[in-house]
C-alpha atoms as a PDB file:
ATOM      1  CA  UNK A   1     202.288 286.591 217.570  1.00  0.00           C
ATOM      2  CA  UNK A   2     201.909 282.888 218.398  1.00  0.00           C
ATOM      3  CA  UNK A   3     199.287 283.644 220.999  1.00  0.00           C
ATOM      4  CA  UNK A   4     197.263 285.725 218.528  1.00  0.00           C
ATOM      5  CA  UNK A   5     197.194 282.904 215.984  1.00  0.00           C
ATOM      6  CA  UNK A   6     196.065 280.444 218.647  1.00  0.00           C
ATOM      7  CA  UNK A   7     193.203 282.755 219.678  1.00  0.00           C
ATOM      8  CA  UNK A   8     192.131 283.187 216.032  1.00  0.00           C
ATOM      9  CA  UNK A   9     192.082 279.411 215.498  1.00  0.00           C
ATOM     10  CA  UNK A  10     190.105 278.934 218.733  1.00  0.00           C
ATOM     11  CA  UNK A  11     187.573 281.548 217.556  1.00  0.00           C
ATOM     12  CA  UNK A  12     187.089 279.722 214.237  1.00  0.00           C
ATOM     13  CA  UNK A  13     186.613 276.434 216.051  1.00  0.00           C
ATOM     14  CA  UNK A  14     184.024 277.821 218.475  1.00  0.00           C
ATOM     15  CA  UNK A  15     182.067 279.544 215.676  1.00  0.00           C
ATOM     16  CA  UNK A  16     182.050 276.328 213.616  1.00  0.00           C
ATOM     17  CA  UNK A  17     180.697 274.356 216.591  1.00  0.00           C
ATOM     18  CA  UNK A  18     177.998 276.962 217.248  1.00  0.00           C
ATOM     19  CA  UNK A  19     176.875 276.977 213.591  1.00  0.00           C
ATOM     20  CA  UNK A  20     176.763 273.165 213.522  1.00  0.00           C
ATOM     21  CA  UNK A  21     174.652 272.957 216.699  1.00  0.00           C
ATOM     22  CA  UNK A  22     172.244 275.620 215.398  1.00  0.00           C
ATOM     23  CA  UNK A  23     171.867 273.873 212.035  1.00  0.00           C
ATOM     24  CA  UNK A  24     171.200 270.510 213.631  1.00  0.00           C
ATOM     25  CA  UNK A  25     168.798 271.504 216.400  1.00  0.00           C
ATOM     26  CA  UNK A  26     167.212 274.878 215.658  1.00  0.00           C
ATOM     27  CA  UNK A  27     166.850 275.298 211.911  1.00  0.00           C
ATOM     28  CA  UNK A  28     163.633 274.211 210.159  1.00  0.00           C
ATOM     29  CA  UNK A  29     163.749 272.411 206.845  1.00  0.00           C
ATOM     30  CA  UNK A  30     162.561 274.495 203.892  1.00  0.00           C
ATOM     31  CA  UNK A  31     160.610 273.331 200.833  1.00  0.00           C
ATOM     32  CA  UNK A  32     163.722 273.621 198.701  1.00  0.00           C
ATOM     33  CA  UNK A  33     165.556 271.227 201.022  1.00  0.00           C
ATOM     34  CA  UNK A  34     162.647 268.757 200.922  1.00  0.00           C
ATOM     35  CA  UNK A  35     162.376 268.736 197.107  1.00  0.00           C
ATOM     36  CA  UNK A  36     166.127 268.485 196.789  1.00  0.00           C
ATOM     37  CA  UNK A  37     166.316 265.477 199.098  1.00  0.00           C
ATOM     38  CA  UNK A  38     163.287 263.859 197.421  1.00  0.00           C
ATOM     39  CA  UNK A  39     164.719 264.309 193.934  1.00  0.00           C
ATOM     40  CA  UNK A  40     168.089 263.042 195.093  1.00  0.00           C
ATOM     41  CA  UNK A  41     166.511 259.897 196.520  1.00  0.00           C
ATOM     42  CA  UNK A  42     164.335 259.334 193.449  1.00  0.00           C
ATOM     43  CA  UNK A  43     167.227 260.042 191.115  1.00  0.00           C
ATOM     44  CA  UNK A  44     169.509 257.636 192.909  1.00  0.00           C
ATOM     45  CA  UNK A  45     166.821 254.940 192.855  1.00  0.00           C
ATOM     46  CA  UNK A  46     166.130 255.516 189.160  1.00  0.00           C
ATOM     47  CA  UNK A  47     169.782 255.552 188.211  1.00  0.00           C
ATOM     48  CA  UNK A  48     170.549 252.466 190.272  1.00  0.00           C
ATOM     49  CA  UNK A  49     167.590 250.648 188.696  1.00  0.00           C
ATOM     50  CA  UNK A  50     168.694 251.807 185.253  1.00  0.00           C
ATOM     51  CA  UNK A  51     172.204 250.579 185.832  1.00  0.00           C
ATOM     52  CA  UNK A  52     170.916 247.280 187.191  1.00  0.00           C
ATOM     53  CA  UNK A  53     168.743 246.762 184.139  1.00  0.00           C
ATOM     54  CA  UNK A  54     171.570 247.653 181.786  1.00  0.00           C
ATOM     55  CA  UNK A  55     173.940 245.318 183.618  1.00  0.00           C
ATOM     56  CA  UNK A  56     171.453 242.449 183.500  1.00  0.00           C
ATOM     57  CA  UNK A  57     170.879 243.012 179.786  1.00  0.00           C
ATOM     58  CA  UNK A  58     174.621 243.032 179.192  1.00  0.00           C
ATOM     59  CA  UNK A  59     175.073 239.779 181.081  1.00  0.00           C
ATOM     60  CA  UNK A  60     172.215 238.170 179.151  1.00  0.00           C
ATOM     61  CA  UNK A  61     173.694 239.323 175.831  1.00  0.00           C
ATOM     62  CA  UNK A  62     177.106 237.938 176.772  1.00  0.00           C
ATOM     63  CA  UNK A  63     175.569 234.569 177.599  1.00  0.00           C
ATOM     64  CA  UNK A  64     173.719 234.510 174.274  1.00  0.00           C
ATOM     65  CA  UNK A  65     176.908 235.454 172.405  1.00  0.00           C
ATOM     66  CA  UNK A  66     178.871 232.739 174.183  1.00  0.00           C
ATOM     67  CA  UNK A  67     176.226 230.120 173.390  1.00  0.00           C
ATOM     68  CA  UNK A  68     176.180 231.193 169.729  1.00  0.00           C
ATOM     69  CA  UNK A  69     179.961 231.067 169.570  1.00  0.00           C
ATOM     70  CA  UNK A  70     180.058 227.585 171.103  1.00  0.00           C
ATOM     71  CA  UNK A  71     177.436 226.386 168.635  1.00  0.00           C
ATOM     72  CA  UNK A  72     179.410 227.823 165.713  1.00  0.00           C
ATOM     73  CA  UNK A  73     182.567 226.054 166.920  1.00  0.00           C
ATOM     74  CA  UNK A  74     180.682 222.751 167.131  1.00  0.00           C
ATOM     75  CA  UNK A  75     179.362 223.189 163.593  1.00  0.00           C
ATOM     76  CA  UNK A  76     182.834 224.049 162.305  1.00  0.00           C
ATOM     77  CA  UNK A  77     184.280 220.956 163.988  1.00  0.00           C
ATOM     78  CA  UNK A  78     181.543 218.763 162.510  1.00  0.00           C
ATOM     79  CA  UNK A  79     182.122 220.242 159.049  1.00  0.00           C
ATOM     80  CA  UNK A  80     185.866 219.654 159.369  1.00  0.00           C
ATOM     81  CA  UNK A  81     185.233 216.030 160.359  1.00  0.00           C
ATOM     82  CA  UNK A  82     182.913 215.531 157.381  1.00  0.00           C
ATOM     83  CA  UNK A  83     185.476 217.003 155.004  1.00  0.00           C
ATOM     84  CA  UNK A  84     188.195 214.807 156.483  1.00  0.00           C
ATOM     85  CA  UNK A  85     186.002 211.748 156.012  1.00  0.00           C
ATOM     86  CA  UNK A  86     185.259 212.741 152.425  1.00  0.00           C
ATOM     87  CA  UNK A  87     188.928 213.161 151.633  1.00  0.00           C
ATOM     88  CA  UNK A  88     189.706 209.801 153.192  1.00  0.00           C
ATOM     89  CA  UNK A  89     187.206 208.070 150.921  1.00  0.00           C
ATOM     90  CA  UNK A  90     188.754 206.764 147.741  1.00  0.00           C
ATOM     91  CA  UNK A  91     186.891 208.056 144.714  1.00  0.00           C
ATOM     92  CA  UNK A  92     186.623 206.061 141.531  1.00  0.00           C
ATOM     93  CA  UNK A  93     186.275 207.794 138.198  1.00  0.00           C
ATOM     94  CA  UNK A  94     186.207 206.607 134.619  1.00  0.00           C
ATOM     95  CA  UNK A  95     188.104 209.082 132.475  1.00  0.00           C
ATOM     96  CA  UNK A  96     187.219 209.144 128.793  1.00  0.00           C
ATOM     97  CA  UNK A  97     189.725 210.714 126.447  1.00  0.00           C
ATOM     98  CA  UNK A  98     188.501 211.283 122.896  1.00  0.00           C
ATOM     99  CA  UNK A  99     190.729 211.200 119.850  1.00  0.00           C
ATOM    100  CA  UNK A 100     192.554 214.512 119.466  1.00  0.00           C
ATOM    101  CA  UNK A 101     191.987 215.730 123.045  1.00  0.00           C
ATOM    102  CA  UNK A 102     195.037 217.381 124.618  1.00  0.00           C
ATOM    103  CA  UNK A 103     196.514 215.940 127.824  1.00  0.00           C
ATOM    104  CA  UNK A 104     195.513 219.112 129.675  1.00  0.00           C
ATOM    105  CA  UNK A 105     191.849 218.145 129.234  1.00  0.00           C
ATOM    106  CA  UNK A 106     192.530 214.915 131.140  1.00  0.00           C
ATOM    107  CA  UNK A 107     194.056 216.908 133.993  1.00  0.00           C
ATOM    108  CA  UNK A 108     191.070 219.263 134.110  1.00  0.00           C
ATOM    109  CA  UNK A 109     188.588 216.359 134.184  1.00  0.00           C
ATOM    110  CA  UNK A 110     190.552 214.611 136.927  1.00  0.00           C
ATOM    111  CA  UNK A 111     190.666 217.755 139.055  1.00  0.00           C
ATOM    112  CA  UNK A 112     186.973 218.470 138.509  1.00  0.00           C
ATOM    113  CA  UNK A 113     186.075 214.983 139.748  1.00  0.00           C
ATOM    114  CA  UNK A 114     188.377 215.028 142.773  1.00  0.00           C
ATOM    115  CA  UNK A 115     190.969 212.494 141.598  1.00  0.00           C
ATOM    116  CA  UNK A 116     193.866 214.982 141.659  1.00  0.00           C
ATOM    117  CA  UNK A 117     194.296 218.285 143.489  1.00  0.00           C
ATOM    118  CA  UNK A 118     195.736 220.444 140.728  1.00  0.00           C
ATOM    119  CA  UNK A 119     195.439 220.016 136.977  1.00  0.00           C
ATOM    120  CA  UNK A 120     198.318 222.432 136.339  1.00  0.00           C
ATOM    121  CA  UNK A 121     200.670 220.374 138.533  1.00  0.00           C
ATOM    122  CA  UNK A 122     199.569 217.187 136.766  1.00  0.00           C
ATOM    123  CA  UNK A 123     200.163 218.768 133.338  1.00  0.00           C
ATOM    124  CA  UNK A 124     203.593 219.926 134.489  1.00  0.00           C
ATOM    125  CA  UNK A 125     204.354 216.402 135.683  1.00  0.00           C
ATOM    126  CA  UNK A 126     203.321 214.970 132.310  1.00  0.00           C
ATOM    127  CA  UNK A 127     205.566 217.453 130.448  1.00  0.00           C
ATOM    128  CA  UNK A 128     208.561 217.054 132.762  1.00  0.00           C
ATOM    129  CA  UNK A 129     208.499 213.247 132.562  1.00  0.00           C
ATOM    130  CA  UNK A 130     207.706 212.956 128.835  1.00  0.00           C
ATOM    131  CA  UNK A 131     204.294 211.366 129.301  1.00  0.00           C
ATOM    132  CA  UNK A 132     202.438 214.166 127.527  1.00  0.00           C
ATOM    133  CA  UNK A 133     202.963 212.907 123.985  1.00  0.00           C
ATOM    134  CA  UNK A 134     202.090 209.316 124.931  1.00  0.00           C
ATOM    135  CA  UNK A 135     198.601 209.962 126.375  1.00  0.00           C
ATOM    136  CA  UNK A 136     196.171 207.849 124.347  1.00  0.00           C
ATOM    137  CA  UNK A 137     192.443 208.012 123.768  1.00  0.00           C
ATOM    138  CA  UNK A 138     190.198 205.560 125.590  1.00  0.00           C
ATOM    139  CA  UNK A 139     188.467 204.891 128.885  1.00  0.00           C
ATOM    140  CA  UNK A 140     190.500 204.648 132.062  1.00  0.00           C
ATOM    141  CA  UNK A 141     189.369 203.662 135.559  1.00  0.00           C
ATOM    142  CA  UNK A 142     191.230 205.878 138.029  1.00  0.00           C
ATOM    143  CA  UNK A 143     191.133 206.276 141.811  1.00  0.00           C
ATOM    144  CA  UNK A 144     191.825 209.271 144.006  1.00  0.00           C
ATOM    145  CA  UNK A 145     194.497 207.411 145.982  1.00  0.00           C
ATOM    146  CA  UNK A 146     196.725 207.088 142.899  1.00  0.00           C
ATOM    147  CA  UNK A 147     199.735 209.360 142.530  1.00  0.00           C
ATOM    148  CA  UNK A 148     200.671 211.328 139.400  1.00  0.00           C
ATOM    149  CA  UNK A 149     203.140 208.697 138.213  1.00  0.00           C
ATOM    150  CA  UNK A 150     200.594 205.856 138.349  1.00  0.00           C
ATOM    151  CA  UNK A 151     197.934 207.896 136.565  1.00  0.00           C
ATOM    152  CA  UNK A 152     200.423 209.007 133.896  1.00  0.00           C
ATOM    153  CA  UNK A 153     201.560 205.429 133.254  1.00  0.00           C
ATOM    154  CA  UNK A 154     197.949 204.274 132.886  1.00  0.00           C
ATOM    155  CA  UNK A 155     197.105 207.092 130.465  1.00  0.00           C
ATOM    156  CA  UNK A 156     200.267 206.493 128.425  1.00  0.00           C
ATOM    157  CA  UNK A 157     199.865 202.672 128.421  1.00  0.00           C
ATOM    158  CA  UNK A 158     203.270 202.233 130.078  1.00  0.00           C
ATOM    159  CA  UNK A 159     202.254 199.897 132.917  1.00  0.00           C
END
């Protein structure tokens, strides 16, 4: 049985070698083979060129995106610096309180003009510390570096 299998394998090997030699040396190329090889070459050239073009476009787009992103970061940094400088500047404001105006109107005017951050917090401070009923009408020169207590004392004439 072993000998039979060896002979069968040897027969396959010899027939494969014979077919290979015939194909390489004696067969003539047909038109189908020529068009197939030509289309394969053209297709591979076209697809490689297409992929190259797409890759180059992608790289160019990434560079543009990166440049745009860097520019946006620079603008954001400059804007942040400007805002920081503006907040560091001390603002002066002359507050005018008319007769009969509530103290909440003073807080709203101060917030609108950048002297205080929150009118509701200022009103709460006035109520909690009993300054609300002592706010008087008149003109007051206030600065943005003053705290709530200083502003309340000025408005209530309790310096």
